[in-house]
Amino acid sequence: MRMPAMLRWLSILLACCGCSKGDQPVPVAVSGDVSFEGKPVTQGVVLFMSDQGFGASAEIDSQGHYVIRSQYGKGIPAGTYRISVTPPPEAVHESDIPARSSSREMSLEIPKKYRDFSTSGLEIQLGEKSMTYDIPLTTR
């Protein structure tokens, strides 16, 4: 008869200490459009990096839209993030020669200053509500 009492205490202990989601931050949804000189950037990657070293990224779709995702799902934890925008990775064929594709042409739409967190000048402060953050790239 002692066993059911132990099982009851064990289940209470597991309920109190077990799989709590309290340690995981609540993700904040972030999305937007990337443009260059007023026209959509149709290829590339948007990167977010916090001062604590947390990073997340999103591919830019053919309409210039991005949606940040992380290990927490759709969104990232609240905080301050620096942002960079990079061209898509170069495609490599079996011969290990980089392919000549439109991605090379599209990379011209992303000025070099936006490709590095330290020079992009892009920063966002996320609170607890979802946010639209458009990224208008310019040559200046």
N, C-alpha and C. Protein backbone atom coordinates (compact mmCIF):
# COMPACT_ATOMS: atom_id res chain seq x y z
N MET A 1 0.81 -1.20 0.00
CA MET A 1 0.00 0.00 0.00
C MET A 1 0.85 1.26 0.00
N ARG A 2 2.08 1.15 0.33
CA ARG A 2 2.96 2.31 0.35
C ARG A 2 3.28 2.78 -1.07
N MET A 3 3.25 1.90 -2.03
CA MET A 3 3.60 2.23 -3.41
C MET A 3 2.68 3.29 -4.03
N PRO A 4 1.35 3.22 -3.90
CA PRO A 4 0.51 4.26 -4.48
C PRO A 4 0.80 5.65 -3.90
N ALA A 5 1.13 5.74 -2.64
CA ALA A 5 1.45 7.04 -2.04
C ALA A 5 2.74 7.59 -2.65
N MET A 6 3.73 6.71 -2.88
CA MET A 6 4.98 7.15 -3.50
C MET A 6 4.72 7.61 -4.93
N LEU A 7 3.89 6.88 -5.65
CA LEU A 7 3.58 7.27 -7.02
C LEU A 7 2.87 8.62 -7.07
N ARG A 8 1.99 8.84 -6.10
CA ARG A 8 1.29 10.12 -6.04
C ARG A 8 2.27 11.27 -5.82
N TRP A 9 3.21 11.10 -4.89
CA TRP A 9 4.21 12.15 -4.61
C TRP A 9 5.14 12.34 -5.81
N LEU A 10 5.49 11.23 -6.45
CA LEU A 10 6.34 11.33 -7.63
C LEU A 10 5.65 12.10 -8.74
N SER A 11 4.36 11.85 -8.95
CA SER A 11 3.64 12.58 -10.00
C SER A 11 3.50 14.06 -9.65
N ILE A 12 3.32 14.37 -8.37
CA ILE A 12 3.26 15.78 -7.96
C ILE A 12 4.61 16.45 -8.19
N LEU A 13 5.69 15.76 -7.83
CA LEU A 13 7.03 16.30 -8.02
C LEU A 13 7.32 16.55 -9.50
N LEU A 14 6.96 15.59 -10.35
CA LEU A 14 7.17 15.76 -11.79
C LEU A 14 6.33 16.91 -12.35
N ALA A 15 5.13 17.06 -11.86
CA ALA A 15 4.27 18.15 -12.33
C ALA A 15 4.85 19.50 -11.95
N CYS A 16 5.46 19.59 -10.77
CA CYS A 16 6.03 20.86 -10.31
C CYS A 16 7.36 21.18 -10.97
N CYS A 17 8.20 20.17 -11.20
CA CYS A 17 9.56 20.40 -11.67
C CYS A 17 9.77 20.00 -13.12
N GLY A 18 8.81 19.33 -13.69
CA GLY A 18 8.99 18.71 -15.00
C GLY A 18 9.12 19.66 -16.14
N CYS A 19 8.44 19.38 -17.16
CA CYS A 19 8.59 20.03 -18.45
C CYS A 19 7.97 21.41 -18.48
N SER A 20 8.49 22.29 -17.71
CA SER A 20 7.98 23.66 -17.66
C SER A 20 8.50 24.44 -18.85
N LYS A 21 7.65 25.21 -19.48
CA LYS A 21 8.07 26.07 -20.58
C LYS A 21 8.46 27.45 -20.07
N GLY A 22 8.47 27.62 -18.75
CA GLY A 22 8.81 28.91 -18.18
C GLY A 22 10.22 29.37 -18.48
N ASP A 23 11.13 28.41 -18.76
CA ASP A 23 12.51 28.76 -19.04
C ASP A 23 12.72 29.21 -20.48
N GLN A 24 11.81 28.86 -21.36
CA GLN A 24 11.95 29.22 -22.76
C GLN A 24 11.30 30.57 -23.02
N PRO A 25 12.01 31.45 -23.73
CA PRO A 25 11.41 32.74 -24.06
C PRO A 25 10.23 32.58 -25.02
N VAL A 26 9.31 33.49 -24.92
CA VAL A 26 8.16 33.51 -25.83
C VAL A 26 8.62 34.17 -27.12
N PRO A 27 8.47 33.49 -28.27
CA PRO A 27 8.92 34.10 -29.52
C PRO A 27 8.01 35.25 -29.95
N VAL A 28 8.64 36.29 -30.49
CA VAL A 28 7.94 37.45 -31.03
C VAL A 28 8.04 37.36 -32.55
N ALA A 29 6.90 37.35 -33.23
CA ALA A 29 6.88 37.24 -34.69
C ALA A 29 7.41 38.52 -35.32
N VAL A 30 8.32 38.36 -36.28
CA VAL A 30 8.88 39.50 -37.02
C VAL A 30 8.88 39.14 -38.50
N SER A 31 8.35 40.04 -39.31
CA SER A 31 8.36 39.85 -40.75
C SER A 31 8.39 41.21 -41.41
N GLY A 32 8.62 41.22 -42.71
CA GLY A 32 8.64 42.49 -43.43
C GLY A 32 9.05 42.30 -44.86
N ASP A 33 9.30 43.41 -45.52
CA ASP A 33 9.71 43.41 -46.92
C ASP A 33 11.07 44.06 -47.05
N VAL A 34 11.89 43.51 -47.96
CA VAL A 34 13.21 44.07 -48.24
C VAL A 34 13.15 44.66 -49.65
N SER A 35 13.59 45.91 -49.75
CA SER A 35 13.59 46.56 -51.06
C SER A 35 14.92 47.27 -51.28
N PHE A 36 15.24 47.51 -52.54
CA PHE A 36 16.43 48.28 -52.91
C PHE A 36 15.98 49.35 -53.87
N GLU A 37 16.18 50.60 -53.46
CA GLU A 37 15.77 51.75 -54.27
C GLU A 37 14.30 51.63 -54.68
N GLY A 38 13.47 51.15 -53.75
CA GLY A 38 12.03 51.08 -53.97
C GLY A 38 11.51 49.82 -54.64
N LYS A 39 12.40 48.94 -55.10
CA LYS A 39 11.97 47.70 -55.77
C LYS A 39 12.28 46.51 -54.86
N PRO A 40 11.41 45.48 -54.87
CA PRO A 40 11.63 44.31 -54.00
C PRO A 40 12.95 43.60 -54.30
N VAL A 41 13.67 43.23 -53.26
CA VAL A 41 14.83 42.35 -53.38
C VAL A 41 14.25 40.94 -53.36
N THR A 42 14.49 40.17 -54.40
CA THR A 42 13.80 38.89 -54.55
C THR A 42 14.62 37.67 -54.16
N GLN A 43 15.84 37.87 -53.70
CA GLN A 43 16.68 36.78 -53.22
C GLN A 43 17.61 37.31 -52.15
N GLY A 44 17.92 36.47 -51.20
CA GLY A 44 18.87 36.86 -50.16
C GLY A 44 18.43 36.31 -48.81
N VAL A 45 19.17 36.72 -47.80
CA VAL A 45 18.92 36.26 -46.44
C VAL A 45 18.96 37.45 -45.49
N VAL A 46 17.98 37.54 -44.60
CA VAL A 46 17.96 38.55 -43.54
C VAL A 46 18.44 37.86 -42.27
N LEU A 47 19.43 38.45 -41.60
CA LEU A 47 20.01 37.88 -40.39
C LEU A 47 19.79 38.81 -39.21
N PHE A 48 19.34 38.27 -38.09
CA PHE A 48 19.16 39.01 -36.84
C PHE A 48 20.15 38.46 -35.83
N MET A 49 20.86 39.34 -35.07
CA MET A 49 21.80 38.90 -34.05
C MET A 49 21.67 39.79 -32.83
N SER A 50 21.46 39.16 -31.67
CA SER A 50 21.35 39.92 -30.42
C SER A 50 22.73 40.12 -29.80
N ASP A 51 22.85 41.04 -28.85
CA ASP A 51 24.10 41.24 -28.14
C ASP A 51 24.48 40.02 -27.31
N GLN A 52 23.50 39.20 -26.97
CA GLN A 52 23.75 37.99 -26.20
C GLN A 52 24.19 36.83 -27.09
N GLY A 53 24.25 37.06 -28.40
CA GLY A 53 24.71 36.03 -29.32
C GLY A 53 23.61 35.16 -29.91
N PHE A 54 22.35 35.48 -29.65
CA PHE A 54 21.26 34.72 -30.24
C PHE A 54 21.04 35.21 -31.66
N GLY A 55 21.00 34.29 -32.60
CA GLY A 55 20.80 34.67 -33.99
C GLY A 55 19.68 33.89 -34.65
N ALA A 56 19.10 34.49 -35.65
CA ALA A 56 18.06 33.84 -36.45
C ALA A 56 18.12 34.44 -37.85
N SER A 57 17.55 33.72 -38.81
CA SER A 57 17.60 34.20 -40.18
C SER A 57 16.32 33.85 -40.92
N ALA A 58 16.17 34.48 -42.08
CA ALA A 58 15.03 34.21 -42.94
C ALA A 58 15.44 34.43 -44.38
N GLU A 59 14.96 33.57 -45.26
CA GLU A 59 15.18 33.77 -46.69
C GLU A 59 14.20 34.81 -47.19
N ILE A 60 14.65 35.60 -48.14
CA ILE A 60 13.79 36.58 -48.80
C ILE A 60 13.11 35.87 -49.96
N ASP A 61 11.78 35.96 -50.05
CA ASP A 61 11.07 35.26 -51.12
C ASP A 61 11.02 36.10 -52.39
N SER A 62 10.39 35.57 -53.41
CA SER A 62 10.37 36.23 -54.73
C SER A 62 9.60 37.54 -54.74
N GLN A 63 8.85 37.83 -53.69
CA GLN A 63 8.13 39.10 -53.57
C GLN A 63 8.87 40.11 -52.69
N GLY A 64 10.02 39.70 -52.14
CA GLY A 64 10.78 40.57 -51.27
C GLY A 64 10.40 40.44 -49.80
N HIS A 65 9.61 39.44 -49.46
CA HIS A 65 9.10 39.27 -48.09
C HIS A 65 9.95 38.27 -47.30
N TYR A 66 10.08 38.50 -45.99
CA TYR A 66 10.78 37.55 -45.12
C TYR A 66 9.97 37.34 -43.84
N VAL A 67 10.15 36.19 -43.21
CA VAL A 67 9.54 35.85 -41.93
C VAL A 67 10.62 35.18 -41.09
N ILE A 68 10.97 35.79 -39.95
CA ILE A 68 12.02 35.23 -39.09
C ILE A 68 11.49 34.01 -38.34
N ARG A 69 12.31 32.96 -38.36
CA ARG A 69 12.03 31.74 -37.60
C ARG A 69 13.28 31.38 -36.80
N SER A 70 13.06 30.71 -35.68
CA SER A 70 14.18 30.28 -34.85
C SER A 70 13.84 28.95 -34.22
N GLN A 71 14.68 28.48 -33.32
CA GLN A 71 14.40 27.22 -32.65
C GLN A 71 13.15 27.31 -31.78
N TYR A 72 12.66 28.53 -31.55
CA TYR A 72 11.44 28.72 -30.77
C TYR A 72 10.20 28.75 -31.64
N GLY A 73 10.36 28.57 -32.94
CA GLY A 73 9.24 28.59 -33.86
C GLY A 73 9.24 29.86 -34.70
N LYS A 74 8.05 30.33 -35.01
CA LYS A 74 7.91 31.54 -35.83
C LYS A 74 8.15 32.74 -34.93
N GLY A 75 9.36 33.29 -34.99
CA GLY A 75 9.70 34.45 -34.18
C GLY A 75 10.99 34.27 -33.42
N ILE A 76 11.34 35.31 -32.66
CA ILE A 76 12.56 35.32 -31.85
C ILE A 76 12.26 35.96 -30.50
N PRO A 77 13.08 35.71 -29.49
CA PRO A 77 12.84 36.31 -28.18
C PRO A 77 12.93 37.85 -28.23
N ALA A 78 12.21 38.51 -27.35
CA ALA A 78 12.26 39.97 -27.26
C ALA A 78 13.69 40.42 -26.97
N GLY A 79 14.02 41.62 -27.41
CA GLY A 79 15.35 42.16 -27.17
C GLY A 79 15.78 43.06 -28.31
N THR A 80 17.04 43.47 -28.27
CA THR A 80 17.62 44.33 -29.30
C THR A 80 18.44 43.47 -30.25
N TYR A 81 18.22 43.68 -31.53
CA TYR A 81 18.91 42.89 -32.56
C TYR A 81 19.54 43.82 -33.59
N ARG A 82 20.76 43.46 -34.00
CA ARG A 82 21.38 44.09 -35.16
C ARG A 82 21.00 43.23 -36.36
N ILE A 83 20.90 43.84 -37.53
CA ILE A 83 20.40 43.14 -38.72
C ILE A 83 21.37 43.32 -39.87
N SER A 84 21.54 42.26 -40.64
CA SER A 84 22.27 42.36 -41.90
C SER A 84 21.46 41.65 -42.97
N VAL A 85 21.74 42.01 -44.22
CA VAL A 85 21.07 41.40 -45.37
C VAL A 85 22.17 40.95 -46.32
N THR A 86 22.15 39.66 -46.67
CA THR A 86 23.19 39.12 -47.52
C THR A 86 22.61 38.50 -48.78
N PRO A 87 23.42 38.40 -49.82
CA PRO A 87 22.97 37.71 -51.03
C PRO A 87 22.77 36.23 -50.71
N PRO A 88 22.04 35.51 -51.57
CA PRO A 88 21.89 34.08 -51.35
C PRO A 88 23.24 33.38 -51.53
N PRO A 89 23.41 32.22 -50.91
CA PRO A 89 24.66 31.49 -51.10
C PRO A 89 24.83 31.11 -52.57
N GLU A 90 26.06 31.09 -53.02
CA GLU A 90 26.35 30.69 -54.41
C GLU A 90 26.03 29.22 -54.60
N ALA A 91 25.41 28.89 -55.69
CA ALA A 91 25.15 27.49 -56.03
C ALA A 91 26.44 26.87 -56.56
N VAL A 92 26.73 25.65 -56.11
CA VAL A 92 27.93 24.96 -56.57
C VAL A 92 27.51 23.67 -57.26
N HIS A 93 28.03 23.45 -58.45
CA HIS A 93 27.72 22.22 -59.20
C HIS A 93 28.73 21.15 -58.83
N GLU A 94 28.51 19.95 -59.34
CA GLU A 94 29.39 18.83 -59.04
C GLU A 94 30.84 19.15 -59.39
N SER A 95 31.07 19.97 -60.35
CA SER A 95 32.44 20.29 -60.75
C SER A 95 33.09 21.29 -59.81
N ASP A 96 32.35 21.72 -58.76
CA ASP A 96 32.83 22.70 -57.77
C ASP A 96 33.12 24.07 -58.37
N ILE A 97 32.56 24.35 -59.53
CA ILE A 97 32.69 25.67 -60.14
C ILE A 97 31.41 26.43 -59.83
N PRO A 98 31.50 27.61 -59.23
CA PRO A 98 30.28 28.36 -58.94
C PRO A 98 29.44 28.59 -60.19
N ALA A 99 28.17 28.37 -60.05
CA ALA A 99 27.26 28.54 -61.18
C ALA A 99 27.04 30.02 -61.45
N ARG A 100 26.92 30.37 -62.69
CA ARG A 100 26.54 31.73 -63.06
C ARG A 100 25.04 31.76 -63.05
N SER A 101 24.49 32.46 -62.10
CA SER A 101 23.04 32.48 -61.97
C SER A 101 22.56 33.88 -61.67
N SER A 102 21.25 33.99 -61.55
CA SER A 102 20.68 35.29 -61.24
C SER A 102 21.03 35.73 -59.83
N SER A 103 21.47 34.80 -58.97
CA SER A 103 21.82 35.20 -57.60
C SER A 103 23.00 36.17 -57.61
N ARG A 104 23.91 36.01 -58.55
CA ARG A 104 25.04 36.94 -58.67
C ARG A 104 24.52 38.33 -59.04
N GLU A 105 23.56 38.37 -59.97
CA GLU A 105 22.97 39.65 -60.36
C GLU A 105 22.19 40.27 -59.21
N MET A 106 21.48 39.42 -58.44
CA MET A 106 20.68 39.92 -57.33
C MET A 106 21.57 40.47 -56.22
N SER A 107 22.78 39.93 -56.07
CA SER A 107 23.65 40.40 -55.00
C SER A 107 24.05 41.85 -55.21
N LEU A 108 23.97 42.31 -56.46
CA LEU A 108 24.27 43.72 -56.73
C LEU A 108 23.22 44.63 -56.10
N GLU A 109 22.02 44.08 -55.83
CA GLU A 109 20.95 44.86 -55.21
C GLU A 109 21.16 45.01 -53.71
N ILE A 110 22.10 44.30 -53.14
CA ILE A 110 22.35 44.39 -51.71
C ILE A 110 23.72 45.04 -51.53
N PRO A 111 23.73 46.35 -51.28
CA PRO A 111 25.01 47.04 -51.10
C PRO A 111 25.84 46.40 -49.98
N LYS A 112 27.15 46.45 -50.13
CA LYS A 112 28.06 45.79 -49.20
C LYS A 112 27.87 46.24 -47.76
N LYS A 113 27.50 47.48 -47.53
CA LYS A 113 27.37 47.96 -46.15
C LYS A 113 26.30 47.20 -45.37
N TYR A 114 25.28 46.66 -46.06
CA TYR A 114 24.20 45.93 -45.38
C TYR A 114 24.55 44.47 -45.11
N ARG A 115 25.67 44.01 -45.64
CA ARG A 115 26.04 42.60 -45.50
C ARG A 115 26.76 42.30 -44.20
N ASP A 116 27.02 43.30 -43.38
CA ASP A 116 27.73 43.12 -42.11
C ASP A 116 26.97 43.83 -41.00
N PHE A 117 26.83 43.17 -39.86
CA PHE A 117 26.11 43.74 -38.73
C PHE A 117 26.72 45.08 -38.29
N SER A 118 28.03 45.19 -38.35
CA SER A 118 28.70 46.39 -37.84
C SER A 118 28.56 47.60 -38.76
N THR A 119 28.22 47.39 -40.02
CA THR A 119 28.13 48.52 -40.94
C THR A 119 26.72 48.77 -41.48
N SER A 120 25.81 47.85 -41.23
CA SER A 120 24.47 47.98 -41.83
C SER A 120 23.67 49.15 -41.28
N GLY A 121 23.87 49.48 -40.01
CA GLY A 121 23.08 50.54 -39.39
C GLY A 121 21.66 50.12 -39.09
N LEU A 122 21.35 48.83 -39.27
CA LEU A 122 20.01 48.32 -39.04
C LEU A 122 19.92 47.70 -37.65
N GLU A 123 18.94 48.15 -36.87
CA GLU A 123 18.75 47.63 -35.52
C GLU A 123 17.27 47.68 -35.18
N ILE A 124 16.82 46.72 -34.40
CA ILE A 124 15.42 46.65 -34.01
C ILE A 124 15.33 46.32 -32.53
N GLN A 125 14.37 46.95 -31.87
CA GLN A 125 14.07 46.65 -30.47
C GLN A 125 12.71 45.95 -30.45
N LEU A 126 12.71 44.68 -30.07
CA LEU A 126 11.47 43.91 -30.03
C LEU A 126 10.90 43.86 -28.62
N GLY A 127 9.63 44.18 -28.54
CA GLY A 127 8.90 44.03 -27.28
C GLY A 127 8.22 42.68 -27.28
N GLU A 128 7.03 42.63 -26.76
CA GLU A 128 6.32 41.36 -26.67
C GLU A 128 5.28 41.17 -27.77
N LYS A 129 5.06 42.19 -28.61
CA LYS A 129 4.06 42.09 -29.67
C LYS A 129 4.75 41.84 -31.01
N SER A 130 4.05 41.12 -31.89
CA SER A 130 4.59 40.86 -33.21
C SER A 130 4.82 42.18 -33.94
N MET A 131 5.75 42.15 -34.89
CA MET A 131 6.16 43.39 -35.52
C MET A 131 6.45 43.20 -37.00
N THR A 132 6.10 44.21 -37.79
CA THR A 132 6.50 44.28 -39.18
C THR A 132 7.68 45.22 -39.25
N TYR A 133 8.78 44.75 -39.83
CA TYR A 133 9.98 45.57 -39.96
C TYR A 133 10.45 45.50 -41.41
N ASP A 134 10.11 46.54 -42.17
CA ASP A 134 10.54 46.63 -43.55
C ASP A 134 11.98 47.13 -43.61
N ILE A 135 12.73 46.63 -44.59
CA ILE A 135 14.14 47.00 -44.72
C ILE A 135 14.37 47.63 -46.10
N PRO A 136 14.33 48.96 -46.16
CA PRO A 136 14.59 49.64 -47.43
C PRO A 136 16.09 49.89 -47.61
N LEU A 137 16.72 49.20 -48.54
CA LEU A 137 18.15 49.35 -48.80
C LEU A 137 18.35 50.48 -49.80
N THR A 138 19.41 51.25 -49.58
CA THR A 138 19.75 52.34 -50.50
C THR A 138 21.25 52.32 -50.78
N THR A 139 21.68 53.07 -51.78
CA THR A 139 23.10 53.15 -52.08
C THR A 139 23.82 54.14 -51.16
N ARG A 140 23.07 54.94 -50.43
CA ARG A 140 23.70 55.92 -49.53
C ARG A 140 24.04 55.32 -48.22
